[in-house]
PDB file of all heavy atoms in Angstrom:
ATOM      1  N   THR A   1     -25.479  -0.852  -1.340  1.00  0.00           N
ATOM      2  CA  THR A   1     -25.864   0.225  -2.251  1.00  0.00           C
ATOM      3  C   THR A   1     -26.747   1.285  -1.605  1.00  0.00           C
ATOM      4  O   THR A   1     -26.815   2.414  -2.096  1.00  0.00           O
ATOM      5  CB  THR A   1     -26.617  -0.354  -3.462  1.00  0.00           C
ATOM      6  OG1 THR A   1     -27.747  -1.114  -3.002  1.00  0.00           O
ATOM      7  CG2 THR A   1     -25.700  -1.252  -4.282  1.00  0.00           C
ATOM      8  N   ARG A   2     -27.420   0.935  -0.522  1.00  0.00           N
ATOM      9  CA  ARG A   2     -28.338   1.911   0.078  1.00  0.00           C
ATOM     10  C   ARG A   2     -28.606   1.571   1.538  1.00  0.00           C
ATOM     11  O   ARG A   2     -28.635   0.410   1.920  1.00  0.00           O
ATOM     12  CB  ARG A   2     -29.659   1.948  -0.695  1.00  0.00           C
ATOM     13  CG  ARG A   2     -30.550   3.128  -0.327  1.00  0.00           C
ATOM     14  CD  ARG A   2     -31.603   3.394  -1.388  1.00  0.00           C
ATOM     15  NE  ARG A   2     -32.773   2.540  -1.258  1.00  0.00           N
ATOM     16  CZ  ARG A   2     -33.122   1.602  -2.114  1.00  0.00           C
ATOM     17  NH1 ARG A   2     -32.364   1.361  -3.177  1.00  0.00           N
ATOM     18  NH2 ARG A   2     -34.223   0.888  -1.933  1.00  0.00           N
ATOM     19  N   VAL A   3     -28.771   2.619   2.310  1.00  0.00           N
ATOM     20  CA  VAL A   3     -29.224   2.492   3.688  1.00  0.00           C
ATOM     21  C   VAL A   3     -30.511   3.275   3.831  1.00  0.00           C
ATOM     22  O   VAL A   3     -30.563   4.463   3.481  1.00  0.00           O
ATOM     23  CB  VAL A   3     -28.168   3.017   4.681  1.00  0.00           C
ATOM     24  CG1 VAL A   3     -28.717   3.033   6.108  1.00  0.00           C
ATOM     25  CG2 VAL A   3     -26.897   2.177   4.620  1.00  0.00           C
ATOM     26  N   GLU A   4     -31.549   2.636   4.316  1.00  0.00           N
ATOM     27  CA  GLU A   4     -32.827   3.303   4.562  1.00  0.00           C
ATOM     28  C   GLU A   4     -32.976   3.484   6.068  1.00  0.00           C
ATOM     29  O   GLU A   4     -33.294   2.526   6.794  1.00  0.00           O
ATOM     30  CB  GLU A   4     -33.980   2.481   3.984  1.00  0.00           C
ATOM     31  CG  GLU A   4     -33.940   2.397   2.461  1.00  0.00           C
ATOM     32  CD  GLU A   4     -35.147   1.662   1.883  1.00  0.00           C
ATOM     33  OE1 GLU A   4     -35.984   1.178   2.689  1.00  0.00           O
ATOM     34  OE2 GLU A   4     -35.236   1.573   0.644  1.00  0.00           O
ATOM     35  N   LEU A   5     -32.728   4.695   6.520  1.00  0.00           N
ATOM     36  CA  LEU A   5     -32.740   4.947   7.952  1.00  0.00           C
ATOM     37  C   LEU A   5     -34.128   4.778   8.551  1.00  0.00           C
ATOM     38  O   LEU A   5     -34.272   4.204   9.638  1.00  0.00           O
ATOM     39  CB  LEU A   5     -32.215   6.365   8.224  1.00  0.00           C
ATOM     40  CG  LEU A   5     -30.778   6.646   7.755  1.00  0.00           C
ATOM     41  CD1 LEU A   5     -30.424   8.099   7.995  1.00  0.00           C
ATOM     42  CD2 LEU A   5     -29.800   5.724   8.461  1.00  0.00           C
ATOM     43  N   GLY A   6     -35.134   5.257   7.835  1.00  0.00           N
ATOM     44  CA  GLY A   6     -36.488   5.153   8.366  1.00  0.00           C
ATOM     45  C   GLY A   6     -36.950   3.715   8.510  1.00  0.00           C
ATOM     46  O   GLY A   6     -37.593   3.345   9.499  1.00  0.00           O
ATOM     47  N   GLY A   7     -36.617   2.896   7.523  1.00  0.00           N
ATOM     48  CA  GLY A   7     -37.022   1.489   7.566  1.00  0.00           C
ATOM     49  C   GLY A   7     -36.028   0.595   8.252  1.00  0.00           C
ATOM     50  O   GLY A   7     -36.249  -0.615   8.359  1.00  0.00           O
ATOM     51  N   ARG A   8     -34.895   1.175   8.700  1.00  0.00           N
ATOM     52  CA  ARG A   8     -33.820   0.400   9.350  1.00  0.00           C
ATOM     53  C   ARG A   8     -33.419  -0.778   8.483  1.00  0.00           C
ATOM     54  O   ARG A   8     -33.382  -1.930   8.909  1.00  0.00           O
ATOM     55  CB  ARG A   8     -34.254  -0.078  10.736  1.00  0.00           C
ATOM     56  CG  ARG A   8     -34.403   1.049  11.754  1.00  0.00           C
ATOM     57  CD  ARG A   8     -34.921   0.535  13.074  1.00  0.00           C
ATOM     58  NE  ARG A   8     -34.912   1.599  14.078  1.00  0.00           N
ATOM     59  CZ  ARG A   8     -34.032   1.694  15.077  1.00  0.00           C
ATOM     60  NH1 ARG A   8     -33.086   0.790  15.202  1.00  0.00           N
ATOM     61  NH2 ARG A   8     -34.095   2.684  15.943  1.00  0.00           N
ATOM     62  N   LEU A   9     -33.058  -0.458   7.236  1.00  0.00           N
ATOM     63  CA  LEU A   9     -32.703  -1.482   6.263  1.00  0.00           C
ATOM     64  C   LEU A   9     -31.376  -1.142   5.592  1.00  0.00           C
ATOM     65  O   LEU A   9     -31.085   0.032   5.324  1.00  0.00           O
ATOM     66  CB  LEU A   9     -33.765  -1.595   5.166  1.00  0.00           C
ATOM     67  CG  LEU A   9     -35.041  -2.383   5.446  1.00  0.00           C
ATOM     68  CD1 LEU A   9     -35.956  -2.288   4.233  1.00  0.00           C
ATOM     69  CD2 LEU A   9     -34.709  -3.847   5.744  1.00  0.00           C
ATOM     70  N   VAL A  10     -30.602  -2.180   5.300  1.00  0.00           N
ATOM     71  CA  VAL A  10     -29.410  -2.083   4.469  1.00  0.00           C
ATOM     72  C   VAL A  10     -29.668  -2.922   3.229  1.00  0.00           C
ATOM     73  O   VAL A  10     -30.095  -4.081   3.339  1.00  0.00           O
ATOM     74  CB  VAL A  10     -28.164  -2.593   5.220  1.00  0.00           C
ATOM     75  CG1 VAL A  10     -26.991  -2.768   4.276  1.00  0.00           C
ATOM     76  CG2 VAL A  10     -27.799  -1.645   6.359  1.00  0.00           C
ATOM     77  N   LEU A  11     -29.415  -2.345   2.055  1.00  0.00           N
ATOM     78  CA  LEU A  11     -29.645  -3.048   0.795  1.00  0.00           C
ATOM     79  C   LEU A  11     -28.321  -3.265   0.091  1.00  0.00           C
ATOM     80  O   LEU A  11     -27.485  -2.350   0.025  1.00  0.00           O
ATOM     81  CB  LEU A  11     -30.593  -2.259  -0.112  1.00  0.00           C
ATOM     82  CG  LEU A  11     -32.052  -2.162   0.359  1.00  0.00           C
ATOM     83  CD1 LEU A  11     -32.216  -1.019   1.351  1.00  0.00           C
ATOM     84  CD2 LEU A  11     -32.985  -1.960  -0.819  1.00  0.00           C
ATOM     85  N   ASP A  12     -28.110  -4.481  -0.444  1.00  0.00           N
ATOM     86  CA  ASP A  12     -26.857  -4.767  -1.129  1.00  0.00           C
ATOM     87  C   ASP A  12     -27.062  -4.796  -2.638  1.00  0.00           C
ATOM     88  O   ASP A  12     -28.186  -4.688  -3.138  1.00  0.00           O
ATOM     89  CB  ASP A  12     -26.232  -6.072  -0.624  1.00  0.00           C
ATOM     90  CG  ASP A  12     -27.079  -7.307  -0.932  1.00  0.00           C
ATOM     91  OD1 ASP A  12     -27.679  -7.381  -2.020  1.00  0.00           O
ATOM     92  OD2 ASP A  12     -27.125  -8.219  -0.079  1.00  0.00           O
ATOM     93  N   ALA A  13     -25.953  -4.932  -3.386  1.00  0.00           N
ATOM     94  CA  ALA A  13     -25.989  -4.836  -4.842  1.00  0.00           C
ATOM     95  C   ALA A  13     -26.755  -5.976  -5.487  1.00  0.00           C
ATOM     96  O   ALA A  13     -27.172  -5.879  -6.642  1.00  0.00           O
ATOM     97  CB  ALA A  13     -24.563  -4.802  -5.386  1.00  0.00           C
ATOM     98  N   SER A  14     -26.949  -7.066  -4.762  1.00  0.00           N
ATOM     99  CA  SER A  14     -27.715  -8.198  -5.302  1.00  0.00           C
ATOM    100  C   SER A  14     -29.204  -8.084  -5.034  1.00  0.00           C
ATOM    101  O   SER A  14     -29.974  -8.978  -5.381  1.00  0.00           O
ATOM    102  CB  SER A  14     -27.189  -9.511  -4.700  1.00  0.00           C
ATOM    103  OG  SER A  14     -25.830  -9.697  -5.006  1.00  0.00           O
ATOM    104  N   GLY A  15     -29.608  -6.994  -4.395  1.00  0.00           N
ATOM    105  CA  GLY A  15     -31.019  -6.796  -4.093  1.00  0.00           C
ATOM    106  C   GLY A  15     -31.434  -7.295  -2.728  1.00  0.00           C
ATOM    107  O   GLY A  15     -32.623  -7.219  -2.377  1.00  0.00           O
ATOM    108  N   GLY A  16     -30.499  -7.807  -1.961  1.00  0.00           N
ATOM    109  CA  GLY A  16     -30.835  -8.289  -0.628  1.00  0.00           C
ATOM    110  C   GLY A  16     -31.182  -7.154   0.318  1.00  0.00           C
ATOM    111  O   GLY A  16     -30.590  -6.072   0.255  1.00  0.00           O
ATOM    112  N   GLU A  17     -32.145  -7.381   1.201  1.00  0.00           N
ATOM    113  CA  GLU A  17     -32.548  -6.403   2.202  1.00  0.00           C
ATOM    114  C   GLU A  17     -32.241  -6.970   3.586  1.00  0.00           C
ATOM    115  O   GLU A  17     -32.616  -8.088   3.907  1.00  0.00           O
ATOM    116  CB  GLU A  17     -34.036  -6.087   2.077  1.00  0.00           C
ATOM    117  CG  GLU A  17     -34.421  -5.451   0.755  1.00  0.00           C
ATOM    118  CD  GLU A  17     -35.883  -5.038   0.722  1.00  0.00           C
ATOM    119  OE1 GLU A  17     -36.620  -5.348   1.685  1.00  0.00           O
ATOM    120  OE2 GLU A  17     -36.291  -4.413  -0.280  1.00  0.00           O
ATOM    121  N   HIS A  18     -31.566  -6.146   4.394  1.00  0.00           N
ATOM    122  CA  HIS A  18     -31.065  -6.634   5.678  1.00  0.00           C
ATOM    123  C   HIS A  18     -31.468  -5.654   6.780  1.00  0.00           C
ATOM    124  O   HIS A  18     -30.906  -4.566   6.884  1.00  0.00           O
ATOM    125  CB  HIS A  18     -29.547  -6.776   5.620  1.00  0.00           C
ATOM    126  CG  HIS A  18     -29.067  -7.512   4.409  1.00  0.00           C
ATOM    127  ND1 HIS A  18     -29.035  -8.893   4.340  1.00  0.00           N
ATOM    128  CD2 HIS A  18     -28.641  -7.052   3.196  1.00  0.00           C
ATOM    129  CE1 HIS A  18     -28.583  -9.259   3.153  1.00  0.00           C
ATOM    130  NE2 HIS A  18     -28.330  -8.165   2.442  1.00  0.00           N
ATOM    131  N   PRO A  19     -32.441  -6.030   7.593  1.00  0.00           N
ATOM    132  CA  PRO A  19     -32.863  -5.149   8.682  1.00  0.00           C
ATOM    133  C   PRO A  19     -31.802  -5.089   9.780  1.00  0.00           C
ATOM    134  O   PRO A  19     -31.002  -6.010   9.949  1.00  0.00           O
ATOM    135  CB  PRO A  19     -34.152  -5.801   9.187  1.00  0.00           C
ATOM    136  CG  PRO A  19     -34.024  -7.232   8.800  1.00  0.00           C
ATOM    137  CD  PRO A  19     -33.236  -7.268   7.529  1.00  0.00           C
ATOM    138  N   TYR A  20     -31.799  -3.979  10.515  1.00  0.00           N
ATOM    139  CA  TYR A  20     -30.854  -3.841  11.622  1.00  0.00           C
ATOM    140  C   TYR A  20     -31.546  -3.219  12.830  1.00  0.00           C
ATOM    141  O   TYR A  20     -32.502  -2.458  12.696  1.00  0.00           O
ATOM    142  CB  TYR A  20     -29.655  -2.975  11.215  1.00  0.00           C
ATOM    143  CG  TYR A  20     -29.982  -1.533  10.901  1.00  0.00           C
ATOM    144  CD1 TYR A  20     -30.093  -0.576  11.926  1.00  0.00           C
ATOM    145  CD2 TYR A  20     -30.176  -1.093   9.593  1.00  0.00           C
ATOM    146  CE1 TYR A  20     -30.389   0.746  11.653  1.00  0.00           C
ATOM    147  CE2 TYR A  20     -30.472   0.234   9.311  1.00  0.00           C
ATOM    148  CZ  TYR A  20     -30.575   1.151  10.343  1.00  0.00           C
ATOM    149  OH  TYR A  20     -30.879   2.463  10.063  1.00  0.00           O
ATOM    150  N   ASP A  21     -31.037  -3.547  14.001  1.00  0.00           N
ATOM    151  CA  ASP A  21     -31.394  -2.833  15.230  1.00  0.00           C
ATOM    152  C   ASP A  21     -30.350  -1.785  15.566  1.00  0.00           C
ATOM    153  O   ASP A  21     -30.668  -0.734  16.115  1.00  0.00           O
ATOM    154  CB  ASP A  21     -31.538  -3.824  16.395  1.00  0.00           C
ATOM    155  CG  ASP A  21     -32.670  -4.809  16.174  1.00  0.00           C
ATOM    156  OD1 ASP A  21     -33.781  -4.364  15.834  1.00  0.00           O
ATOM    157  OD2 ASP A  21     -32.431  -6.018  16.326  1.00  0.00           O
ATOM    158  N   ARG A  22     -29.083  -2.110  15.290  1.00  0.00           N
ATOM    159  CA  ARG A  22     -27.991  -1.152  15.363  1.00  0.00           C
ATOM    160  C   ARG A  22     -27.203  -1.269  14.069  1.00  0.00           C
ATOM    161  O   ARG A  22     -27.019  -2.376  13.537  1.00  0.00           O
ATOM    162  CB  ARG A  22     -27.047  -1.428  16.537  1.00  0.00           C
ATOM    163  CG  ARG A  22     -27.701  -1.541  17.878  1.00  0.00           C
ATOM    164  CD  ARG A  22     -27.883  -0.218  18.580  1.00  0.00           C
ATOM    165  NE  ARG A  22     -28.275  -0.473  19.957  1.00  0.00           N
ATOM    166  CZ  ARG A  22     -29.528  -0.726  20.341  1.00  0.00           C
ATOM    167  NH1 ARG A  22     -30.504  -0.768  19.435  1.00  0.00           N
ATOM    168  NH2 ARG A  22     -29.810  -0.937  21.620  1.00  0.00           N
ATOM    169  N   LEU A  23     -26.685  -0.129  13.594  1.00  0.00           N
ATOM    170  CA  LEU A  23     -25.922  -0.098  12.354  1.00  0.00           C
ATOM    171  C   LEU A  23     -24.616   0.648  12.590  1.00  0.00           C
ATOM    172  O   LEU A  23     -24.612   1.746  13.162  1.00  0.00           O
ATOM    173  CB  LEU A  23     -26.728   0.599  11.248  1.00  0.00           C
ATOM    174  CG  LEU A  23     -25.995   0.889   9.928  1.00  0.00           C
ATOM    175  CD1 LEU A  23     -25.602  -0.415   9.230  1.00  0.00           C
ATOM    176  CD2 LEU A  23     -26.880   1.744   9.010  1.00  0.00           C
ATOM    177  N   LEU A  24     -23.506   0.061  12.148  1.00  0.00           N
ATOM    178  CA  LEU A  24     -22.206   0.727  12.186  1.00  0.00           C
ATOM    179  C   LEU A  24     -21.713   0.919  10.759  1.00  0.00           C
ATOM    180  O   LEU A  24     -21.596  -0.045   9.997  1.00  0.00           O
ATOM    181  CB  LEU A  24     -21.188  -0.107  12.972  1.00  0.00           C
ATOM    182  CG  LEU A  24     -19.757   0.439  12.967  1.00  0.00           C
ATOM    183  CD1 LEU A  24     -19.686   1.802  13.636  1.00  0.00           C
ATOM    184  CD2 LEU A  24     -18.795  -0.542  13.623  1.00  0.00           C
ATOM    185  N   LEU A  25     -21.416   2.155  10.414  1.00  0.00           N
ATOM    186  CA  LEU A  25     -20.821   2.477   9.121  1.00  0.00           C
ATOM    187  C   LEU A  25     -19.320   2.652   9.316  1.00  0.00           C
ATOM    188  O   LEU A  25     -18.884   3.495  10.096  1.00  0.00           O
ATOM    189  CB  LEU A  25     -21.430   3.750   8.547  1.00  0.00           C
ATOM    190  CG  LEU A  25     -22.938   3.704   8.261  1.00  0.00           C
ATOM    191  CD1 LEU A  25     -23.433   5.066   7.780  1.00  0.00           C
ATOM    192  CD2 LEU A  25     -23.262   2.623   7.243  1.00  0.00           C
ATOM    193  N   ALA A  26     -18.550   1.839   8.597  1.00  0.00           N
ATOM    194  CA  ALA A  26     -17.089   1.892   8.698  1.00  0.00           C
ATOM    195  C   ALA A  26     -16.508   1.659   7.311  1.00  0.00           C
ATOM    196  O   ALA A  26     -15.739   0.723   7.072  1.00  0.00           O
ATOM    197  CB  ALA A  26     -16.589   0.839   9.687  1.00  0.00           C
ATOM    198  N   THR A  27     -16.901   2.524   6.391  1.00  0.00           N
ATOM    199  CA  THR A  27     -16.624   2.318   4.969  1.00  0.00           C
ATOM    200  C   THR A  27     -15.250   2.804   4.533  1.00  0.00           C
ATOM    201  O   THR A  27     -14.887   2.634   3.368  1.00  0.00           O
ATOM    202  CB  THR A  27     -17.716   2.988   4.124  1.00  0.00           C
ATOM    203  OG1 THR A  27     -17.995   4.301   4.640  1.00  0.00           O
ATOM    204  CG2 THR A  27     -19.000   2.181   4.165  1.00  0.00           C
ATOM    205  N   GLY A  28     -14.481   3.396   5.421  1.00  0.00           N
ATOM    206  CA  GLY A  28     -13.087   3.698   5.117  1.00  0.00           C
ATOM    207  C   GLY A  28     -12.881   4.847   4.152  1.00  0.00           C
ATOM    208  O   GLY A  28     -13.719   5.755   4.025  1.00  0.00           O
ATOM    209  N   SER A  29     -11.760   4.800   3.442  1.00  0.00           N
ATOM    210  CA  SER A  29     -11.367   5.872   2.522  1.00  0.00           C
ATOM    211  C   SER A  29     -10.975   5.288   1.175  1.00  0.00           C
ATOM    212  O   SER A  29     -10.733   4.091   1.045  1.00  0.00           O
ATOM    213  CB  SER A  29     -10.174   6.657   3.083  1.00  0.00           C
ATOM    214  OG  SER A  29     -10.499   7.320   4.270  1.00  0.00           O
ATOM    215  N   LYS A  30     -10.885   6.162   0.195  1.00  0.00           N
ATOM    216  CA  LYS A  30     -10.367   5.781  -1.119  1.00  0.00           C
ATOM    217  C   LYS A  30      -9.277   6.770  -1.507  1.00  0.00           C
ATOM    218  O   LYS A  30      -9.329   7.952  -1.134  1.00  0.00           O
ATOM    219  CB  LYS A  30     -11.486   5.783  -2.165  1.00  0.00           C
ATOM    220  CG  LYS A  30     -12.162   7.130  -2.362  1.00  0.00           C
ATOM    221  CD  LYS A  30     -13.288   7.030  -3.374  1.00  0.00           C
ATOM    222  CE  LYS A  30     -14.014   8.380  -3.499  1.00  0.00           C
ATOM    223  NZ  LYS A  30     -15.143   8.300  -4.451  1.00  0.00           N
ATOM    224  N   PRO A  31      -8.265   6.321  -2.247  1.00  0.00           N
ATOM    225  CA  PRO A  31      -7.178   7.229  -2.625  1.00  0.00           C
ATOM    226  C   PRO A  31      -7.687   8.362  -3.507  1.00  0.00           C
ATOM    227  O   PRO A  31      -8.552   8.168  -4.369  1.00  0.00           O
ATOM    228  CB  PRO A  31      -6.211   6.328  -3.397  1.00  0.00           C
ATOM    229  CG  PRO A  31      -6.589   4.940  -3.021  1.00  0.00           C
ATOM    230  CD  PRO A  31      -8.057   4.964  -2.735  1.00  0.00           C
ATOM    231  N   ARG A  32      -7.145   9.536  -3.275  1.00  0.00           N
ATOM    232  CA  ARG A  32      -7.463  10.665  -4.148  1.00  0.00           C
ATOM    233  C   ARG A  32      -6.733  10.505  -5.478  1.00  0.00           C
ATOM    234  O   ARG A  32      -5.617   9.983  -5.535  1.00  0.00           O
ATOM    235  CB  ARG A  32      -7.049  11.983  -3.489  1.00  0.00           C
ATOM    236  CG  ARG A  32      -7.809  12.285  -2.211  1.00  0.00           C
ATOM    237  CD  ARG A  32      -7.469  13.665  -1.681  1.00  0.00           C
ATOM    238  NE  ARG A  32      -8.041  13.890  -0.371  1.00  0.00           N
ATOM    239  CZ  ARG A  32      -9.287  14.303  -0.152  1.00  0.00           C
ATOM    240  NH1 ARG A  32     -10.082  14.531  -1.196  1.00  0.00           N
ATOM    241  NH2 ARG A  32      -9.738  14.484   1.077  1.00  0.00           N
ATOM    242  N   SER A  33      -7.378  10.957  -6.537  1.00  0.00           N
ATOM    243  CA  SER A  33      -6.769  10.908  -7.863  1.00  0.00           C
ATOM    244  C   SER A  33      -6.301  12.307  -8.247  1.00  0.00           C
ATOM    245  O   SER A  33      -6.479  13.268  -7.491  1.00  0.00           O
ATOM    246  CB  SER A  33      -7.778  10.386  -8.889  1.00  0.00           C
ATOM    247  OG  SER A  33      -8.924  11.219  -8.915  1.00  0.00           O
ATOM    248  N   LEU A  34      -5.682  12.412  -9.406  1.00  0.00           N
ATOM    249  CA  LEU A  34      -5.264  13.708  -9.930  1.00  0.00           C
ATOM    250  C   LEU A  34      -6.057  14.002 -11.196  1.00  0.00           C
ATOM    251  O   LEU A  34      -6.011  13.221 -12.158  1.00  0.00           O
ATOM    252  CB  LEU A  34      -3.768  13.710 -10.243  1.00  0.00           C
ATOM    253  CG  LEU A  34      -2.823  13.681  -9.047  1.00  0.00           C
ATOM    254  CD1 LEU A  34      -1.380  13.599  -9.529  1.00  0.00           C
ATOM    255  CD2 LEU A  34      -3.015  14.906  -8.174  1.00  0.00           C
ATOM    256  N   PRO A  35      -6.794  15.096 -11.221  1.00  0.00           N
ATOM    257  CA  PRO A  35      -7.622  15.408 -12.391  1.00  0.00           C
ATOM    258  C   PRO A  35      -6.804  16.063 -13.501  1.00  0.00           C
ATOM    259  O   PRO A  35      -7.013  17.224 -13.864  1.00  0.00           O
ATOM    260  CB  PRO A  35      -8.665  16.371 -11.809  1.00  0.00           C
ATOM    261  CG  PRO A  35      -7.929  17.090 -10.722  1.00  0.00           C
ATOM    262  CD  PRO A  35      -6.974  16.083 -10.134  1.00  0.00           C
ATOM    263  N   VAL A  36      -5.842  15.309 -14.031  1.00  0.00           N
ATOM    264  CA  VAL A  36      -4.984  15.835 -15.092  1.00  0.00           C
ATOM    265  C   VAL A  36      -4.984  14.867 -16.267  1.00  0.00           C
ATOM    266  O   VAL A  36      -5.330  13.686 -16.126  1.00  0.00           O
ATOM    267  CB  VAL A  36      -3.546  16.059 -14.588  1.00  0.00           C
ATOM    268  CG1 VAL A  36      -3.525  17.067 -13.437  1.00  0.00           C
ATOM    269  CG2 VAL A  36      -2.887  14.752 -14.164  1.00  0.00           C
ATOM    270  N   ARG A  37      -4.565  15.340 -17.402  1.00  0.00           N
ATOM    271  CA  ARG A  37      -4.517  14.519 -18.609  1.00  0.00           C
ATOM    272  C   ARG A  37      -3.540  13.354 -18.415  1.00  0.00           C
ATOM    273  O   ARG A  37      -2.457  13.503 -17.859  1.00  0.00           O
ATOM    274  CB  ARG A  37      -4.069  15.371 -19.801  1.00  0.00           C
ATOM    275  CG  ARG A  37      -4.089  14.650 -21.144  1.00  0.00           C
ATOM    276  CD  ARG A  37      -3.729  15.598 -22.256  1.00  0.00           C
ATOM    277  NE  ARG A  37      -2.428  16.226 -22.024  1.00  0.00           N
ATOM    278  CZ  ARG A  37      -1.941  17.219 -22.751  1.00  0.00           C
ATOM    279  NH1 ARG A  37      -2.664  17.739 -23.729  1.00  0.00           N
ATOM    280  NH2 ARG A  37      -0.747  17.707 -22.493  1.00  0.00           N
ATOM    281  N   GLY A  38      -3.954  12.183 -18.866  1.00  0.00           N
ATOM    282  CA  GLY A  38      -3.107  11.002 -18.821  1.00  0.00           C
ATOM    283  C   GLY A  38      -3.187  10.202 -17.540  1.00  0.00           C
ATOM    284  O   GLY A  38      -2.482   9.195 -17.392  1.00  0.00           O
ATOM    285  N   ALA A  39      -4.060  10.610 -16.624  1.00  0.00           N
ATOM    286  CA  ALA A  39      -4.124   9.914 -15.325  1.00  0.00           C
ATOM    287  C   ALA A  39      -4.644   8.483 -15.444  1.00  0.00           C
ATOM    288  O   ALA A  39      -4.526   7.710 -14.483  1.00  0.00           O
ATOM    289  CB  ALA A  39      -4.994  10.709 -14.359  1.00  0.00           C
ATOM    290  N   ASP A  40      -5.209   8.120 -16.594  1.00  0.00           N
ATOM    291  CA  ASP A  40      -5.731   6.762 -16.781  1.00  0.00           C
ATOM    292  C   ASP A  40      -4.746   5.844 -17.512  1.00  0.00           C
ATOM    293  O   ASP A  40      -5.084   4.714 -17.858  1.00  0.00           O
ATOM    294  CB  ASP A  40      -7.051   6.808 -17.546  1.00  0.00           C
ATOM    295  CG  ASP A  40      -6.928   7.483 -18.914  1.00  0.00           C
ATOM    296  OD1 ASP A  40      -5.881   8.136 -19.168  1.00  0.00           O
ATOM    297  OD2 ASP A  40      -7.874   7.382 -19.712  1.00  0.00           O
ATOM    298  N   LEU A  41      -3.512   6.284 -17.722  1.00  0.00           N
ATOM    299  CA  LEU A  41      -2.528   5.460 -18.410  1.00  0.00           C
ATOM    300  C   LEU A  41      -2.148   4.246 -17.564  1.00  0.00           C
ATOM    301  O   LEU A  41      -2.118   4.306 -16.330  1.00  0.00           O
ATOM    302  CB  LEU A  41      -1.275   6.277 -18.714  1.00  0.00           C
ATOM    303  CG  LEU A  41      -1.395   7.353 -19.792  1.00  0.00           C
ATOM    304  CD1 LEU A  41      -0.184   8.281 -19.746  1.00  0.00           C
ATOM    305  CD2 LEU A  41      -1.524   6.705 -21.172  1.00  0.00           C
ATOM    306  N   ALA A  42      -1.835   3.154 -18.248  1.00  0.00           N
ATOM    307  CA  ALA A  42      -1.316   1.980 -17.543  1.00  0.00           C
ATOM    308  C   ALA A  42       0.014   2.333 -16.889  1.00  0.00           C
ATOM    309  O   ALA A  42       0.784   3.141 -17.413  1.00  0.00           O
ATOM    310  CB  ALA A  42      -1.134   0.830 -18.529  1.00  0.00           C
ATOM    311  N   GLY A  43       0.267   1.718 -15.740  1.00  0.00           N
ATOM    312  CA  GLY A  43       1.494   2.001 -15.014  1.00  0.00           C
ATOM    313  C   GLY A  43       1.341   3.056 -13.946  1.00  0.00           C
ATOM    314  O   GLY A  43       2.277   3.307 -13.178  1.00  0.00           O
ATOM    315  N   ILE A  44       0.145   3.669 -13.866  1.00  0.00           N
ATOM    316  CA  ILE A  44      -0.135   4.642 -12.812  1.00  0.00           C
ATOM    317  C   ILE A  44      -0.966   3.946 -11.743  1.00  0.00           C
ATOM    318  O   ILE A  44      -2.027   3.394 -12.022  1.00  0.00           O
ATOM    319  CB  ILE A  44      -0.858   5.876 -13.366  1.00  0.00           C
ATOM    320  CG1 ILE A  44       0.032   6.583 -14.389  1.00  0.00           C
ATOM    321  CG2 ILE A  44      -1.237   6.841 -12.239  1.00  0.00           C
ATOM    322  CD1 ILE A  44      -0.610   7.794 -15.038  1.00  0.00           C
TER     323      ILE A  44
END
């Protein structure tokens, strides 16, 4: 959920704090959506 660069910390959704000496961010991509009516229908 958060990276604190100054404190060299990575925080996860459960509240865990994880210090690092080196950090690699490789969070990838997410599909783009279409901002049109009906885009939340089942089957899409």
